[in-house]
């Protein structure tokens, strides 16, 4: 009997976009950070900073997200909701295990100041 199993490959940019959408759905998130505030990661980076990092480790995904939050947000609650929403959405859409979602708060947006793109 022939093995008719198909293999699905998802580009990292697609996964990054899924994580971005799931992150921005959470109340209290102002944006995905566009600047790197972590010097260690800035030195290791080979290209321009992206606010979402995706790594595949032993067939599972590890995700790192840098966000800015709104001034009235409860930071711990926002981070917890981002972790859960990103994990749920990516696992549901890709059927790939997400073992870790690290959320780093890079900045807080006050009042009417523009969110940097």
C-alpha atoms as a PDB file:
ATOM      1  CA  UNK A   1       0.000   0.000   0.000  1.00  0.00           C
ATOM      2  CA  UNK A   2       1.419   3.403  -0.959  1.00  0.00           C
ATOM      3  CA  UNK A   3       2.033   6.011   1.700  1.00  0.00           C
ATOM      4  CA  UNK A   4      -0.062   9.006   0.652  1.00  0.00           C
ATOM      5  CA  UNK A   5       0.861  11.188   3.625  1.00  0.00           C
ATOM      6  CA  UNK A   6       1.522  14.791   2.754  1.00  0.00           C
ATOM      7  CA  UNK A   7       3.971  17.033   4.489  1.00  0.00           C
ATOM      8  CA  UNK A   8       3.151  20.638   5.319  1.00  0.00           C
ATOM      9  CA  UNK A   9       5.861  23.253   5.463  1.00  0.00           C
ATOM     10  CA  UNK A  10       5.046  26.725   6.780  1.00  0.00           C
ATOM     11  CA  UNK A  11       7.348  29.655   6.116  1.00  0.00           C
ATOM     12  CA  UNK A  12       8.684  31.406   9.227  1.00  0.00           C
ATOM     13  CA  UNK A  13       7.275  34.716   7.971  1.00  0.00           C
ATOM     14  CA  UNK A  14       3.775  33.180   7.926  1.00  0.00           C
ATOM     15  CA  UNK A  15       4.210  31.950  11.506  1.00  0.00           C
ATOM     16  CA  UNK A  16       5.496  35.395  12.499  1.00  0.00           C
ATOM     17  CA  UNK A  17       2.404  37.030  10.961  1.00  0.00           C
ATOM     18  CA  UNK A  18       0.100  34.570  12.795  1.00  0.00           C
ATOM     19  CA  UNK A  19       1.832  35.423  16.079  1.00  0.00           C
ATOM     20  CA  UNK A  20       1.564  39.147  15.336  1.00  0.00           C
ATOM     21  CA  UNK A  21      -2.174  38.969  14.671  1.00  0.00           C
ATOM     22  CA  UNK A  22      -2.763  36.863  17.810  1.00  0.00           C
ATOM     23  CA  UNK A  23      -0.715  39.339  19.878  1.00  0.00           C
ATOM     24  CA  UNK A  24      -2.527  42.432  18.619  1.00  0.00           C
ATOM     25  CA  UNK A  25      -5.905  40.824  19.447  1.00  0.00           C
ATOM     26  CA  UNK A  26      -5.096  41.108  23.154  1.00  0.00           C
ATOM     27  CA  UNK A  27      -6.528  44.153  24.941  1.00  0.00           C
ATOM     28  CA  UNK A  28      -3.756  46.344  26.339  1.00  0.00           C
ATOM     29  CA  UNK A  29      -1.195  45.639  23.608  1.00  0.00           C
ATOM     30  CA  UNK A  30      -0.260  48.861  21.790  1.00  0.00           C
ATOM     31  CA  UNK A  31       2.011  47.286  19.170  1.00  0.00           C
ATOM     32  CA  UNK A  32       4.743  44.841  18.368  1.00  0.00           C
ATOM     33  CA  UNK A  33       8.030  46.510  19.346  1.00  0.00           C
ATOM     34  CA  UNK A  34      10.088  47.744  16.414  1.00  0.00           C
ATOM     35  CA  UNK A  35      13.238  48.496  18.385  1.00  0.00           C
ATOM     36  CA  UNK A  36      15.443  46.004  20.171  1.00  0.00           C
ATOM     37  CA  UNK A  37      16.024  46.947  23.786  1.00  0.00           C
ATOM     38  CA  UNK A  38      17.979  43.786  24.549  1.00  0.00           C
ATOM     39  CA  UNK A  39      21.663  44.425  23.812  1.00  0.00           C
ATOM     40  CA  UNK A  40      22.517  40.705  23.826  1.00  0.00           C
ATOM     41  CA  UNK A  41      19.988  39.998  21.059  1.00  0.00           C
ATOM     42  CA  UNK A  42      21.065  43.096  19.116  1.00  0.00           C
ATOM     43  CA  UNK A  43      24.629  41.809  18.982  1.00  0.00           C
ATOM     44  CA  UNK A  44      23.541  38.286  17.930  1.00  0.00           C
ATOM     45  CA  UNK A  45      21.075  39.512  15.284  1.00  0.00           C
ATOM     46  CA  UNK A  46      22.157  39.009  11.694  1.00  0.00           C
ATOM     47  CA  UNK A  47      19.528  41.264  10.172  1.00  0.00           C
ATOM     48  CA  UNK A  48      17.143  44.044  11.147  1.00  0.00           C
ATOM     49  CA  UNK A  49      15.302  43.618  14.424  1.00  0.00           C
ATOM     50  CA  UNK A  50      11.926  41.956  14.229  1.00  0.00           C
ATOM     51  CA  UNK A  51       9.607  42.064  17.214  1.00  0.00           C
ATOM     52  CA  UNK A  52       8.780  38.365  16.917  1.00  0.00           C
ATOM     53  CA  UNK A  53      11.306  35.536  16.890  1.00  0.00           C
ATOM     54  CA  UNK A  54      10.328  31.991  15.925  1.00  0.00           C
ATOM     55  CA  UNK A  55      12.596  28.990  16.445  1.00  0.00           C
ATOM     56  CA  UNK A  56      11.898  25.347  15.716  1.00  0.00           C
ATOM     57  CA  UNK A  57      13.362  23.073  18.389  1.00  0.00           C
ATOM     58  CA  UNK A  58      12.904  19.311  17.964  1.00  0.00           C
ATOM     59  CA  UNK A  59       9.775  19.808  15.867  1.00  0.00           C
ATOM     60  CA  UNK A  60       8.128  22.233  18.303  1.00  0.00           C
ATOM     61  CA  UNK A  61       8.074  26.021  18.196  1.00  0.00           C
ATOM     62  CA  UNK A  62       9.569  28.494  20.637  1.00  0.00           C
ATOM     63  CA  UNK A  63       8.366  32.056  20.191  1.00  0.00           C
ATOM     64  CA  UNK A  64       9.717  35.329  21.541  1.00  0.00           C
ATOM     65  CA  UNK A  65       7.610  38.490  21.283  1.00  0.00           C
ATOM     66  CA  UNK A  66       8.593  42.077  22.113  1.00  0.00           C
ATOM     67  CA  UNK A  67       5.566  44.305  22.698  1.00  0.00           C
ATOM     68  CA  UNK A  68       4.646  47.791  23.803  1.00  0.00           C
ATOM     69  CA  UNK A  69       1.665  48.104  26.135  1.00  0.00           C
ATOM     70  CA  UNK A  70      -0.853  50.839  26.764  1.00  0.00           C
ATOM     71  CA  UNK A  71      -0.391  52.918  29.908  1.00  0.00           C
ATOM     72  CA  UNK A  72      -3.523  51.608  31.642  1.00  0.00           C
ATOM     73  CA  UNK A  73      -2.735  47.947  30.961  1.00  0.00           C
ATOM     74  CA  UNK A  74      -2.025  45.450  33.708  1.00  0.00           C
ATOM     75  CA  UNK A  75       1.283  44.220  32.373  1.00  0.00           C
ATOM     76  CA  UNK A  76       1.228  40.734  33.919  1.00  0.00           C
ATOM     77  CA  UNK A  77      -2.310  40.073  32.667  1.00  0.00           C
ATOM     78  CA  UNK A  78      -1.490  41.335  29.173  1.00  0.00           C
ATOM     79  CA  UNK A  79       1.645  39.173  28.974  1.00  0.00           C
ATOM     80  CA  UNK A  80      -0.248  36.088  30.181  1.00  0.00           C
ATOM     81  CA  UNK A  81      -3.045  36.659  27.648  1.00  0.00           C
ATOM     82  CA  UNK A  82      -0.547  37.194  24.810  1.00  0.00           C
ATOM     83  CA  UNK A  83       1.224  33.938  25.719  1.00  0.00           C
ATOM     84  CA  UNK A  84      -2.013  31.966  25.777  1.00  0.00           C
ATOM     85  CA  UNK A  85      -3.535  33.538  22.652  1.00  0.00           C
ATOM     86  CA  UNK A  86      -0.399  33.090  20.537  1.00  0.00           C
ATOM     87  CA  UNK A  87       0.064  29.497  21.689  1.00  0.00           C
ATOM     88  CA  UNK A  88      -3.596  28.588  21.087  1.00  0.00           C
ATOM     89  CA  UNK A  89      -3.827  30.246  17.648  1.00  0.00           C
ATOM     90  CA  UNK A  90      -0.590  28.825  16.251  1.00  0.00           C
ATOM     91  CA  UNK A  91      -1.210  25.305  17.590  1.00  0.00           C
ATOM     92  CA  UNK A  92      -4.747  25.340  16.208  1.00  0.00           C
ATOM     93  CA  UNK A  93      -3.810  26.718  12.784  1.00  0.00           C
ATOM     94  CA  UNK A  94      -0.650  24.664  12.204  1.00  0.00           C
ATOM     95  CA  UNK A  95      -1.120  21.552  14.350  1.00  0.00           C
ATOM     96  CA  UNK A  96       2.439  22.147  15.616  1.00  0.00           C
ATOM     97  CA  UNK A  97       3.294  22.153  19.316  1.00  0.00           C
ATOM     98  CA  UNK A  98       4.309  25.474  20.845  1.00  0.00           C
ATOM     99  CA  UNK A  99       6.488  24.767  23.867  1.00  0.00           C
ATOM    100  CA  UNK A 100       7.363  28.316  24.869  1.00  0.00           C
ATOM    101  CA  UNK A 101       6.084  31.851  24.312  1.00  0.00           C
ATOM    102  CA  UNK A 102       8.298  34.497  25.897  1.00  0.00           C
ATOM    103  CA  UNK A 103       6.803  37.977  26.093  1.00  0.00           C
ATOM    104  CA  UNK A 104       9.109  40.942  26.679  1.00  0.00           C
ATOM    105  CA  UNK A 105       7.608  44.341  27.452  1.00  0.00           C
ATOM    106  CA  UNK A 106       9.778  46.824  25.571  1.00  0.00           C
ATOM    107  CA  UNK A 107       7.902  50.044  26.218  1.00  0.00           C
ATOM    108  CA  UNK A 108       4.744  51.682  27.514  1.00  0.00           C
ATOM    109  CA  UNK A 109       2.721  54.061  25.350  1.00  0.00           C
ATOM    110  CA  UNK A 110       1.317  57.074  27.180  1.00  0.00           C
ATOM    111  CA  UNK A 111      -1.618  59.149  25.965  1.00  0.00           C
ATOM    112  CA  UNK A 112      -1.614  60.218  22.352  1.00  0.00           C
ATOM    113  CA  UNK A 113       2.031  59.555  21.583  1.00  0.00           C
ATOM    114  CA  UNK A 114       2.370  57.770  18.257  1.00  0.00           C
ATOM    115  CA  UNK A 115       3.250  54.097  18.199  1.00  0.00           C
ATOM    116  CA  UNK A 116       6.500  53.647  16.286  1.00  0.00           C
ATOM    117  CA  UNK A 117       6.177  51.503  13.187  1.00  0.00           C
END
